[in-house]
């Protein structure tokens, strides 16, 4: 199978490259090589590469900047998704597209099912939802849309790395306790996506697009996530000492974009569809931090 990955250099695309099965013939493009907002370039690359399947890991994800740069957010997340869908339809390729929990408003108190009604409360979520809708309308059952949340990796910039840096630099930290969701190790998401590629032959173009939800298992606030990061970092020798981490309300840390207060998503249908089982977020965090520590030790040994 020939697979084209967009968003090279990002956390998910990097993990997709690291975990690609040996039988997959894949190629990846970064934003400079493949600007998905450029309709002509998208057609040119997809016709030239002729993939059986496209994995769209490209997105505008700067949630706060999107409030003032809405035109760019919509260009990438809506128009870029539409361009990929149209080009996939032209060459009869299938599409796996990565979306977000931010399509929901956070007013529920139970996990969002795949058929829950979206109602985004910020520009990022709204732009992603519009992209999802364009893909579903153009490709129908030849598209699978995966909503995920709180993604982190040993590669790139993310909450885990930021916390480790701040915990080494600051005497104490305040972290939000009243926004609840679930962290997602990008490697686990990549492994799910590769499992789904094995089912690509069962995509039915005449059906509706498949919507799936994927994060790690369990529930956490950002405060829970941060305290787990510190505990594991101390245990693994990645931090010399612990610092006080205080729970603070979101109102004490105002940001340009509103966040859902509750964005836990239900993965049961995805587990049944894919045959892949979620792992608890703390177990996944520990494994990622082992990988991050090993990478740091390797760099030190080579310096």
C-alpha atoms as a PDB file:
ATOM      1  CA  UNK A   1       0.000   0.000   0.000  1.00  0.00           C
ATOM      2  CA  UNK A   2       1.226   3.474  -0.926  1.00  0.00           C
ATOM      3  CA  UNK A   3       0.591   6.045   1.850  1.00  0.00           C
ATOM      4  CA  UNK A   4       1.166   9.807   1.756  1.00  0.00           C
ATOM      5  CA  UNK A   5       1.531  11.625   5.087  1.00  0.00           C
ATOM      6  CA  UNK A   6       1.059  15.379   5.424  1.00  0.00           C
ATOM      7  CA  UNK A   7       2.412  17.515   8.267  1.00  0.00           C
ATOM      8  CA  UNK A   8       5.925  16.070   8.347  1.00  0.00           C
ATOM      9  CA  UNK A   9       7.890  17.540  11.243  1.00  0.00           C
ATOM     10  CA  UNK A  10       4.883  17.597  13.534  1.00  0.00           C
ATOM     11  CA  UNK A  11       4.458  15.259  16.484  1.00  0.00           C
ATOM     12  CA  UNK A  12       2.012  12.854  14.865  1.00  0.00           C
ATOM     13  CA  UNK A  13       3.705  12.654  11.473  1.00  0.00           C
ATOM     14  CA  UNK A  14       7.022  11.973  13.222  1.00  0.00           C
ATOM     15  CA  UNK A  15       5.483   9.122  15.216  1.00  0.00           C
ATOM     16  CA  UNK A  16       3.826   7.755  12.073  1.00  0.00           C
ATOM     17  CA  UNK A  17       7.253   7.586  10.454  1.00  0.00           C
ATOM     18  CA  UNK A  18       8.777   5.843  13.489  1.00  0.00           C
ATOM     19  CA  UNK A  19       6.019   3.233  13.711  1.00  0.00           C
ATOM     20  CA  UNK A  20       5.280   2.598  10.017  1.00  0.00           C
ATOM     21  CA  UNK A  21       4.861  -1.127   9.268  1.00  0.00           C
ATOM     22  CA  UNK A  22       7.552  -2.566   7.010  1.00  0.00           C
ATOM     23  CA  UNK A  23       5.051  -3.471   4.295  1.00  0.00           C
ATOM     24  CA  UNK A  24       3.850   0.145   3.929  1.00  0.00           C
ATOM     25  CA  UNK A  25       5.375   2.225   1.139  1.00  0.00           C
ATOM     26  CA  UNK A  26       5.079   5.693   2.631  1.00  0.00           C
ATOM     27  CA  UNK A  27       6.177   9.209   1.773  1.00  0.00           C
ATOM     28  CA  UNK A  28       5.851  12.317   3.964  1.00  0.00           C
ATOM     29  CA  UNK A  29       5.688  16.015   3.107  1.00  0.00           C
ATOM     30  CA  UNK A  30       6.131  19.061   5.328  1.00  0.00           C
ATOM     31  CA  UNK A  31       4.305  22.373   4.922  1.00  0.00           C
ATOM     32  CA  UNK A  32       6.982  23.793   2.627  1.00  0.00           C
ATOM     33  CA  UNK A  33       6.899  20.791   0.298  1.00  0.00           C
ATOM     34  CA  UNK A  34       3.123  20.475   0.388  1.00  0.00           C
ATOM     35  CA  UNK A  35       1.145  23.547   1.381  1.00  0.00           C
ATOM     36  CA  UNK A  36      -2.330  22.055   1.678  1.00  0.00           C
ATOM     37  CA  UNK A  37      -3.901  25.504   1.216  1.00  0.00           C
ATOM     38  CA  UNK A  38      -2.474  25.555  -2.341  1.00  0.00           C
ATOM     39  CA  UNK A  39      -5.055  23.717  -4.437  1.00  0.00           C
ATOM     40  CA  UNK A  40      -2.835  23.304  -7.492  1.00  0.00           C
ATOM     41  CA  UNK A  41       0.093  22.004  -5.432  1.00  0.00           C
ATOM     42  CA  UNK A  42      -2.113  19.470  -3.625  1.00  0.00           C
ATOM     43  CA  UNK A  43      -3.356  18.088  -6.943  1.00  0.00           C
ATOM     44  CA  UNK A  44       0.170  18.050  -8.387  1.00  0.00           C
ATOM     45  CA  UNK A  45       1.663  16.104  -5.464  1.00  0.00           C
ATOM     46  CA  UNK A  46      -1.163  13.615  -5.100  1.00  0.00           C
ATOM     47  CA  UNK A  47      -1.300  12.866  -8.814  1.00  0.00           C
ATOM     48  CA  UNK A  48       2.495  12.502  -8.907  1.00  0.00           C
ATOM     49  CA  UNK A  49       2.717  10.270  -5.811  1.00  0.00           C
ATOM     50  CA  UNK A  50      -0.508   8.363  -6.556  1.00  0.00           C
ATOM     51  CA  UNK A  51      -1.123   7.123  -2.969  1.00  0.00           C
ATOM     52  CA  UNK A  52      -3.768   4.574  -2.098  1.00  0.00           C
ATOM     53  CA  UNK A  53      -4.294   6.401   1.185  1.00  0.00           C
ATOM     54  CA  UNK A  54      -3.552   9.878   2.544  1.00  0.00           C
ATOM     55  CA  UNK A  55      -3.041  10.508   6.273  1.00  0.00           C
ATOM     56  CA  UNK A  56      -3.668  14.164   7.006  1.00  0.00           C
ATOM     57  CA  UNK A  57      -1.590  15.110  10.038  1.00  0.00           C
ATOM     58  CA  UNK A  58      -1.277  18.741   8.892  1.00  0.00           C
ATOM     59  CA  UNK A  59      -3.249  21.359  10.818  1.00  0.00           C
ATOM     60  CA  UNK A  60      -3.158  24.863  12.237  1.00  0.00           C
ATOM     61  CA  UNK A  61      -3.114  24.052  15.962  1.00  0.00           C
ATOM     62  CA  UNK A  62      -2.137  27.364  17.614  1.00  0.00           C
ATOM     63  CA  UNK A  63      -5.407  27.575  19.550  1.00  0.00           C
ATOM     64  CA  UNK A  64      -4.937  31.070  20.976  1.00  0.00           C
ATOM     65  CA  UNK A  65      -3.377  32.587  17.854  1.00  0.00           C
ATOM     66  CA  UNK A  66      -6.321  31.293  15.837  1.00  0.00           C
ATOM     67  CA  UNK A  67      -8.575  33.830  17.558  1.00  0.00           C
ATOM     68  CA  UNK A  68      -6.718  36.691  15.840  1.00  0.00           C
ATOM     69  CA  UNK A  69      -5.442  34.717  12.825  1.00  0.00           C
ATOM     70  CA  UNK A  70      -8.764  33.138  11.930  1.00  0.00           C
ATOM     71  CA  UNK A  71      -8.188  33.479   8.183  1.00  0.00           C
ATOM     72  CA  UNK A  72      -5.047  31.343   8.427  1.00  0.00           C
ATOM     73  CA  UNK A  73      -6.744  28.800  10.710  1.00  0.00           C
ATOM     74  CA  UNK A  74      -9.626  28.382   8.269  1.00  0.00           C
ATOM     75  CA  UNK A  75      -7.280  28.316   5.265  1.00  0.00           C
ATOM     76  CA  UNK A  76      -5.378  25.347   6.688  1.00  0.00           C
ATOM     77  CA  UNK A  77      -8.046  23.512   8.648  1.00  0.00           C
ATOM     78  CA  UNK A  78     -11.020  23.995   6.320  1.00  0.00           C
ATOM     79  CA  UNK A  79      -9.692  24.801   2.850  1.00  0.00           C
ATOM     80  CA  UNK A  80      -6.638  22.575   3.207  1.00  0.00           C
ATOM     81  CA  UNK A  81      -8.813  19.642   4.231  1.00  0.00           C
ATOM     82  CA  UNK A  82     -11.166  20.325   1.334  1.00  0.00           C
ATOM     83  CA  UNK A  83      -8.234  20.415  -1.113  1.00  0.00           C
ATOM     84  CA  UNK A  84      -6.968  17.053   0.102  1.00  0.00           C
ATOM     85  CA  UNK A  85     -10.440  15.510  -0.077  1.00  0.00           C
ATOM     86  CA  UNK A  86     -11.025  16.735  -3.627  1.00  0.00           C
ATOM     87  CA  UNK A  87      -7.620  15.495  -4.771  1.00  0.00           C
ATOM     88  CA  UNK A  88      -8.209  12.126  -3.074  1.00  0.00           C
ATOM     89  CA  UNK A  89     -11.528  11.842  -4.890  1.00  0.00           C
ATOM     90  CA  UNK A  90      -9.831  12.681  -8.190  1.00  0.00           C
ATOM     91  CA  UNK A  91      -7.261   9.881  -7.855  1.00  0.00           C
ATOM     92  CA  UNK A  92      -9.588   7.482  -5.989  1.00  0.00           C
ATOM     93  CA  UNK A  93      -7.517   7.528  -2.792  1.00  0.00           C
ATOM     94  CA  UNK A  94      -8.812   7.095   0.741  1.00  0.00           C
ATOM     95  CA  UNK A  95      -8.233   9.635   3.508  1.00  0.00           C
ATOM     96  CA  UNK A  96      -7.600   9.343   7.245  1.00  0.00           C
ATOM     97  CA  UNK A  97      -7.965  12.807   8.750  1.00  0.00           C
ATOM     98  CA  UNK A  98      -7.057  13.867  12.292  1.00  0.00           C
ATOM     99  CA  UNK A  99      -9.474  16.189  14.090  1.00  0.00           C
ATOM    100  CA  UNK A 100      -9.971  17.404  17.644  1.00  0.00           C
ATOM    101  CA  UNK A 101     -12.025  17.220  20.832  1.00  0.00           C
ATOM    102  CA  UNK A 102     -12.369  21.003  20.508  1.00  0.00           C
ATOM    103  CA  UNK A 103     -15.311  20.503  18.159  1.00  0.00           C
ATOM    104  CA  UNK A 104     -17.294  20.103  21.425  1.00  0.00           C
ATOM    105  CA  UNK A 105     -18.314  22.850  23.863  1.00  0.00           C
ATOM    106  CA  UNK A 106     -17.435  20.963  27.059  1.00  0.00           C
ATOM    107  CA  UNK A 107     -20.883  21.270  28.629  1.00  0.00           C
ATOM    108  CA  UNK A 108     -21.361  17.508  28.989  1.00  0.00           C
ATOM    109  CA  UNK A 109     -20.311  15.659  32.121  1.00  0.00           C
ATOM    110  CA  UNK A 110     -20.048  12.243  30.441  1.00  0.00           C
ATOM    111  CA  UNK A 111     -17.670  11.253  27.618  1.00  0.00           C
ATOM    112  CA  UNK A 112     -18.651  12.529  24.178  1.00  0.00           C
ATOM    113  CA  UNK A 113     -19.761   9.775  21.813  1.00  0.00           C
ATOM    114  CA  UNK A 114     -18.841   9.835  18.131  1.00  0.00           C
ATOM    115  CA  UNK A 115     -22.373  10.920  17.232  1.00  0.00           C
ATOM    116  CA  UNK A 116     -22.571  13.745  19.811  1.00  0.00           C
ATOM    117  CA  UNK A 117     -23.489  17.093  18.261  1.00  0.00           C
ATOM    118  CA  UNK A 118     -20.429  19.344  17.779  1.00  0.00           C
ATOM    119  CA  UNK A 119     -20.588  22.905  19.093  1.00  0.00           C
ATOM    120  CA  UNK A 120     -17.134  24.506  19.106  1.00  0.00           C
ATOM    121  CA  UNK A 121     -16.435  27.505  21.330  1.00  0.00           C
ATOM    122  CA  UNK A 122     -13.237  28.779  19.697  1.00  0.00           C
ATOM    123  CA  UNK A 123     -11.939  29.492  16.191  1.00  0.00           C
ATOM    124  CA  UNK A 124      -9.613  26.489  16.184  1.00  0.00           C
ATOM    125  CA  UNK A 125     -12.444  24.077  16.960  1.00  0.00           C
ATOM    126  CA  UNK A 126     -14.770  25.745  14.466  1.00  0.00           C
ATOM    127  CA  UNK A 127     -12.181  25.662  11.683  1.00  0.00           C
ATOM    128  CA  UNK A 128     -11.440  21.995  12.324  1.00  0.00           C
ATOM    129  CA  UNK A 129     -15.142  21.148  12.316  1.00  0.00           C
ATOM    130  CA  UNK A 130     -15.599  22.866   8.952  1.00  0.00           C
ATOM    131  CA  UNK A 131     -12.721  20.815   7.543  1.00  0.00           C
ATOM    132  CA  UNK A 132     -14.270  17.620   8.893  1.00  0.00           C
ATOM    133  CA  UNK A 133     -17.586  18.490   7.270  1.00  0.00           C
ATOM    134  CA  UNK A 134     -15.990  19.236   3.898  1.00  0.00           C
ATOM    135  CA  UNK A 135     -14.164  15.900   3.962  1.00  0.00           C
ATOM    136  CA  UNK A 136     -17.301  13.971   4.908  1.00  0.00           C
ATOM    137  CA  UNK A 137     -19.306  15.685   2.179  1.00  0.00           C
ATOM    138  CA  UNK A 138     -16.704  15.080  -0.555  1.00  0.00           C
ATOM    139  CA  UNK A 139     -15.461  11.583   0.277  1.00  0.00           C
ATOM    140  CA  UNK A 140     -18.245   9.921   2.251  1.00  0.00           C
ATOM    141  CA  UNK A 141     -17.162   6.443   3.289  1.00  0.00           C
ATOM    142  CA  UNK A 142     -13.742   6.849   1.693  1.00  0.00           C
ATOM    143  CA  UNK A 143     -12.781   9.046   4.666  1.00  0.00           C
ATOM    144  CA  UNK A 144     -12.160   8.266   8.323  1.00  0.00           C
ATOM    145  CA  UNK A 145     -12.075  11.213  10.735  1.00  0.00           C
ATOM    146  CA  UNK A 146     -10.290  10.672  14.069  1.00  0.00           C
ATOM    147  CA  UNK A 147     -10.898  13.136  16.891  1.00  0.00           C
ATOM    148  CA  UNK A 148      -8.127  13.255  19.471  1.00  0.00           C
ATOM    149  CA  UNK A 149      -6.932  15.491  22.319  1.00  0.00           C
ATOM    150  CA  UNK A 150      -3.997  16.726  24.416  1.00  0.00           C
ATOM    151  CA  UNK A 151      -1.380  15.203  22.100  1.00  0.00           C
ATOM    152  CA  UNK A 152       2.264  14.968  23.180  1.00  0.00           C
ATOM    153  CA  UNK A 153       5.412  13.200  21.971  1.00  0.00           C
ATOM    154  CA  UNK A 154       9.136  12.931  22.600  1.00  0.00           C
ATOM    155  CA  UNK A 155       9.385  14.976  19.392  1.00  0.00           C
ATOM    156  CA  UNK A 156       8.318  18.600  19.096  1.00  0.00           C
ATOM    157  CA  UNK A 157       6.883  21.067  21.587  1.00  0.00           C
ATOM    158  CA  UNK A 158       4.139  20.032  23.974  1.00  0.00           C
ATOM    159  CA  UNK A 159       2.775  20.242  27.520  1.00  0.00           C
ATOM    160  CA  UNK A 160       5.005  17.487  28.900  1.00  0.00           C
ATOM    161  CA  UNK A 161       8.219  19.109  27.724  1.00  0.00           C
ATOM    162  CA  UNK A 162       7.043  22.549  28.846  1.00  0.00           C
ATOM    163  CA  UNK A 163       6.262  21.231  32.331  1.00  0.00           C
ATOM    164  CA  UNK A 164       9.652  19.508  32.605  1.00  0.00           C
ATOM    165  CA  UNK A 165      11.411  22.749  31.639  1.00  0.00           C
ATOM    166  CA  UNK A 166       9.370  24.930  33.995  1.00  0.00           C
ATOM    167  CA  UNK A 167       9.729  22.473  36.867  1.00  0.00           C
ATOM    168  CA  UNK A 168      13.500  22.692  36.481  1.00  0.00           C
ATOM    169  CA  UNK A 169      13.443  26.505  36.342  1.00  0.00           C
ATOM    170  CA  UNK A 170      10.658  27.728  38.631  1.00  0.00           C
ATOM    171  CA  UNK A 171      10.213  27.614  42.428  1.00  0.00           C
ATOM    172  CA  UNK A 172       6.533  26.700  42.014  1.00  0.00           C
ATOM    173  CA  UNK A 173       3.809  26.365  39.362  1.00  0.00           C
ATOM    174  CA  UNK A 174       0.084  26.945  39.114  1.00  0.00           C
ATOM    175  CA  UNK A 175      -1.753  24.583  36.758  1.00  0.00           C
ATOM    176  CA  UNK A 176      -5.427  24.608  35.764  1.00  0.00           C
ATOM    177  CA  UNK A 177      -7.605  22.070  37.571  1.00  0.00           C
ATOM    178  CA  UNK A 178     -11.041  22.763  36.084  1.00  0.00           C
ATOM    179  CA  UNK A 179     -10.455  21.680  32.492  1.00  0.00           C
ATOM    180  CA  UNK A 180     -10.774  17.911  32.210  1.00  0.00           C
ATOM    181  CA  UNK A 181      -9.893  15.596  29.330  1.00  0.00           C
ATOM    182  CA  UNK A 182      -7.418  12.844  28.526  1.00  0.00           C
ATOM    183  CA  UNK A 183      -3.786  13.053  27.346  1.00  0.00           C
ATOM    184  CA  UNK A 184      -2.780  11.234  24.156  1.00  0.00           C
ATOM    185  CA  UNK A 185       0.697   9.900  23.391  1.00  0.00           C
ATOM    186  CA  UNK A 186       1.149  10.541  19.681  1.00  0.00           C
ATOM    187  CA  UNK A 187       2.855   7.165  19.288  1.00  0.00           C
ATOM    188  CA  UNK A 188      -0.312   5.378  20.424  1.00  0.00           C
ATOM    189  CA  UNK A 189      -2.384   7.460  18.003  1.00  0.00           C
ATOM    190  CA  UNK A 190       0.048   6.618  15.191  1.00  0.00           C
ATOM    191  CA  UNK A 191      -0.240   2.911  15.976  1.00  0.00           C
ATOM    192  CA  UNK A 192      -4.029   3.173  15.828  1.00  0.00           C
ATOM    193  CA  UNK A 193      -3.826   4.897  12.435  1.00  0.00           C
ATOM    194  CA  UNK A 194      -1.580   2.176  11.028  1.00  0.00           C
ATOM    195  CA  UNK A 195      -4.046  -0.430  12.316  1.00  0.00           C
ATOM    196  CA  UNK A 196      -6.801   1.420  10.447  1.00  0.00           C
ATOM    197  CA  UNK A 197      -4.822   1.403   7.193  1.00  0.00           C
ATOM    198  CA  UNK A 198      -5.097  -2.380   7.243  1.00  0.00           C
ATOM    199  CA  UNK A 199      -8.860  -1.910   6.995  1.00  0.00           C
ATOM    200  CA  UNK A 200      -8.698   0.552   4.087  1.00  0.00           C
ATOM    201  CA  UNK A 201     -10.080  -2.011   1.644  1.00  0.00           C
ATOM    202  CA  UNK A 202     -13.298  -2.065   3.670  1.00  0.00           C
ATOM    203  CA  UNK A 203     -13.931   1.670   3.194  1.00  0.00           C
ATOM    204  CA  UNK A 204     -17.259   2.084   1.379  1.00  0.00           C
ATOM    205  CA  UNK A 205     -17.486   5.294  -0.686  1.00  0.00           C
ATOM    206  CA  UNK A 206     -21.279   5.175  -0.796  1.00  0.00           C
ATOM    207  CA  UNK A 207     -21.488   5.164   3.032  1.00  0.00           C
ATOM    208  CA  UNK A 208     -21.072   8.071   5.446  1.00  0.00           C
ATOM    209  CA  UNK A 209     -17.590   8.939   6.652  1.00  0.00           C
ATOM    210  CA  UNK A 210     -16.427   6.987   9.693  1.00  0.00           C
ATOM    211  CA  UNK A 211     -15.918   9.156  12.780  1.00  0.00           C
ATOM    212  CA  UNK A 212     -13.690   7.740  15.502  1.00  0.00           C
ATOM    213  CA  UNK A 213     -12.509   9.014  18.887  1.00  0.00           C
ATOM    214  CA  UNK A 214      -9.045   8.291  20.247  1.00  0.00           C
ATOM    215  CA  UNK A 215      -7.090   9.339  23.305  1.00  0.00           C
ATOM    216  CA  UNK A 216      -5.378   7.279  25.947  1.00  0.00           C
ATOM    217  CA  UNK A 217      -7.608   5.749  28.640  1.00  0.00           C
ATOM    218  CA  UNK A 218      -8.645   7.487  31.828  1.00  0.00           C
ATOM    219  CA  UNK A 219      -9.442  11.064  32.797  1.00  0.00           C
ATOM    220  CA  UNK A 220      -7.269  13.944  33.976  1.00  0.00           C
ATOM    221  CA  UNK A 221      -7.205  17.665  34.556  1.00  0.00           C
ATOM    222  CA  UNK A 222      -4.193  19.642  33.423  1.00  0.00           C
ATOM    223  CA  UNK A 223      -3.238  19.756  37.117  1.00  0.00           C
ATOM    224  CA  UNK A 224      -3.417  15.943  37.339  1.00  0.00           C
ATOM    225  CA  UNK A 225      -1.304  15.686  34.206  1.00  0.00           C
ATOM    226  CA  UNK A 226       1.312  18.095  35.537  1.00  0.00           C
ATOM    227  CA  UNK A 227       1.635  16.387  38.927  1.00  0.00           C
ATOM    228  CA  UNK A 228       2.033  13.010  37.209  1.00  0.00           C
ATOM    229  CA  UNK A 229       4.770  14.458  35.001  1.00  0.00           C
ATOM    230  CA  UNK A 230       6.666  15.694  38.048  1.00  0.00           C
ATOM    231  CA  UNK A 231       6.244  12.430  39.987  1.00  0.00           C
ATOM    232  CA  UNK A 232       7.484  10.349  37.070  1.00  0.00           C
ATOM    233  CA  UNK A 233      10.340  12.760  36.315  1.00  0.00           C
ATOM    234  CA  UNK A 234      11.582  12.534  39.916  1.00  0.00           C
ATOM    235  CA  UNK A 235      11.244   8.742  39.834  1.00  0.00           C
ATOM    236  CA  UNK A 236      13.193   8.514  36.552  1.00  0.00           C
ATOM    237  CA  UNK A 237      15.911  10.987  37.565  1.00  0.00           C
ATOM    238  CA  UNK A 238      14.818  13.576  35.001  1.00  0.00           C
ATOM    239  CA  UNK A 239      14.331  16.241  37.695  1.00  0.00           C
ATOM    240  CA  UNK A 240      16.555  16.765  40.758  1.00  0.00           C
ATOM    241  CA  UNK A 241      13.811  17.990  43.082  1.00  0.00           C
ATOM    242  CA  UNK A 242      10.082  18.522  43.261  1.00  0.00           C
ATOM    243  CA  UNK A 243       8.429  21.933  43.460  1.00  0.00           C
ATOM    244  CA  UNK A 244       4.960  22.886  44.689  1.00  0.00           C
ATOM    245  CA  UNK A 245       2.342  22.543  41.933  1.00  0.00           C
ATOM    246  CA  UNK A 246      -0.814  24.442  42.857  1.00  0.00           C
ATOM    247  CA  UNK A 247      -4.249  23.831  41.312  1.00  0.00           C
ATOM    248  CA  UNK A 248      -5.687  27.056  39.876  1.00  0.00           C
ATOM    249  CA  UNK A 249      -9.001  27.781  38.114  1.00  0.00           C
ATOM    250  CA  UNK A 250      -8.980  28.591  34.390  1.00  0.00           C
ATOM    251  CA  UNK A 251     -10.334  32.026  35.310  1.00  0.00           C
ATOM    252  CA  UNK A 252      -7.007  32.805  36.996  1.00  0.00           C
ATOM    253  CA  UNK A 253      -5.128  32.180  33.749  1.00  0.00           C
ATOM    254  CA  UNK A 254      -7.164  33.914  31.015  1.00  0.00           C
ATOM    255  CA  UNK A 255      -6.257  33.078  27.415  1.00  0.00           C
ATOM    256  CA  UNK A 256      -7.588  34.466  24.112  1.00  0.00           C
ATOM    257  CA  UNK A 257      -9.400  31.200  23.232  1.00  0.00           C
ATOM    258  CA  UNK A 258     -12.008  29.540  25.425  1.00  0.00           C
ATOM    259  CA  UNK A 259     -11.369  25.872  26.195  1.00  0.00           C
ATOM    260  CA  UNK A 260     -13.982  23.181  26.849  1.00  0.00           C
ATOM    261  CA  UNK A 261     -14.166  22.499  30.592  1.00  0.00           C
ATOM    262  CA  UNK A 262     -14.852  18.812  29.858  1.00  0.00           C
ATOM    263  CA  UNK A 263     -13.666  17.100  26.694  1.00  0.00           C
ATOM    264  CA  UNK A 264     -13.343  13.418  27.561  1.00  0.00           C
ATOM    265  CA  UNK A 265     -14.262  11.392  24.463  1.00  0.00           C
ATOM    266  CA  UNK A 266     -15.675   7.877  24.295  1.00  0.00           C
ATOM    267  CA  UNK A 267     -13.293   5.420  22.590  1.00  0.00           C
ATOM    268  CA  UNK A 268     -15.414   2.256  22.825  1.00  0.00           C
ATOM    269  CA  UNK A 269     -16.555   2.275  19.195  1.00  0.00           C
ATOM    270  CA  UNK A 270     -13.009   2.915  17.994  1.00  0.00           C
ATOM    271  CA  UNK A 271     -11.654  -0.009  20.009  1.00  0.00           C
ATOM    272  CA  UNK A 272     -14.333  -2.253  18.514  1.00  0.00           C
ATOM    273  CA  UNK A 273     -13.740  -0.952  14.980  1.00  0.00           C
ATOM    274  CA  UNK A 274      -9.936  -1.114  15.072  1.00  0.00           C
ATOM    275  CA  UNK A 275      -9.223  -4.019  17.399  1.00  0.00           C
ATOM    276  CA  UNK A 276      -6.767  -1.733  19.241  1.00  0.00           C
ATOM    277  CA  UNK A 277      -7.219  -1.195  22.985  1.00  0.00           C
ATOM    278  CA  UNK A 278      -6.508   2.084  24.725  1.00  0.00           C
ATOM    279  CA  UNK A 279      -3.789   2.213  27.395  1.00  0.00           C
ATOM    280  CA  UNK A 280      -4.071   4.347  30.536  1.00  0.00           C
ATOM    281  CA  UNK A 281      -2.620   7.814  30.040  1.00  0.00           C
ATOM    282  CA  UNK A 282      -0.210   7.499  32.969  1.00  0.00           C
ATOM    283  CA  UNK A 283       1.278   4.283  31.553  1.00  0.00           C
ATOM    284  CA  UNK A 284       1.685   5.989  28.174  1.00  0.00           C
ATOM    285  CA  UNK A 285       3.226   9.066  29.787  1.00  0.00           C
ATOM    286  CA  UNK A 286       5.765   6.907  31.598  1.00  0.00           C
ATOM    287  CA  UNK A 287       6.753   5.153  28.369  1.00  0.00           C
ATOM    288  CA  UNK A 288       7.135   8.467  26.522  1.00  0.00           C
ATOM    289  CA  UNK A 289       9.283   9.893  29.331  1.00  0.00           C
ATOM    290  CA  UNK A 290      11.529   6.804  29.230  1.00  0.00           C
ATOM    291  CA  UNK A 291      11.970   7.480  25.510  1.00  0.00           C
ATOM    292  CA  UNK A 292      12.653  11.173  26.119  1.00  0.00           C
ATOM    293  CA  UNK A 293      15.247  10.357  28.782  1.00  0.00           C
ATOM    294  CA  UNK A 294      16.961   7.827  26.497  1.00  0.00           C
ATOM    295  CA  UNK A 295      17.134  10.391  23.686  1.00  0.00           C
ATOM    296  CA  UNK A 296      18.710  12.925  26.051  1.00  0.00           C
ATOM    297  CA  UNK A 297      21.270  10.410  27.313  1.00  0.00           C
ATOM    298  CA  UNK A 298      22.132   9.444  23.744  1.00  0.00           C
ATOM    299  CA  UNK A 299      22.699  13.085  22.798  1.00  0.00           C
ATOM    300  CA  UNK A 300      24.962  13.568  25.843  1.00  0.00           C
ATOM    301  CA  UNK A 301      26.971  10.456  24.942  1.00  0.00           C
ATOM    302  CA  UNK A 302      27.474  11.730  21.404  1.00  0.00           C
ATOM    303  CA  UNK A 303      28.395  15.304  22.374  1.00  0.00           C
END
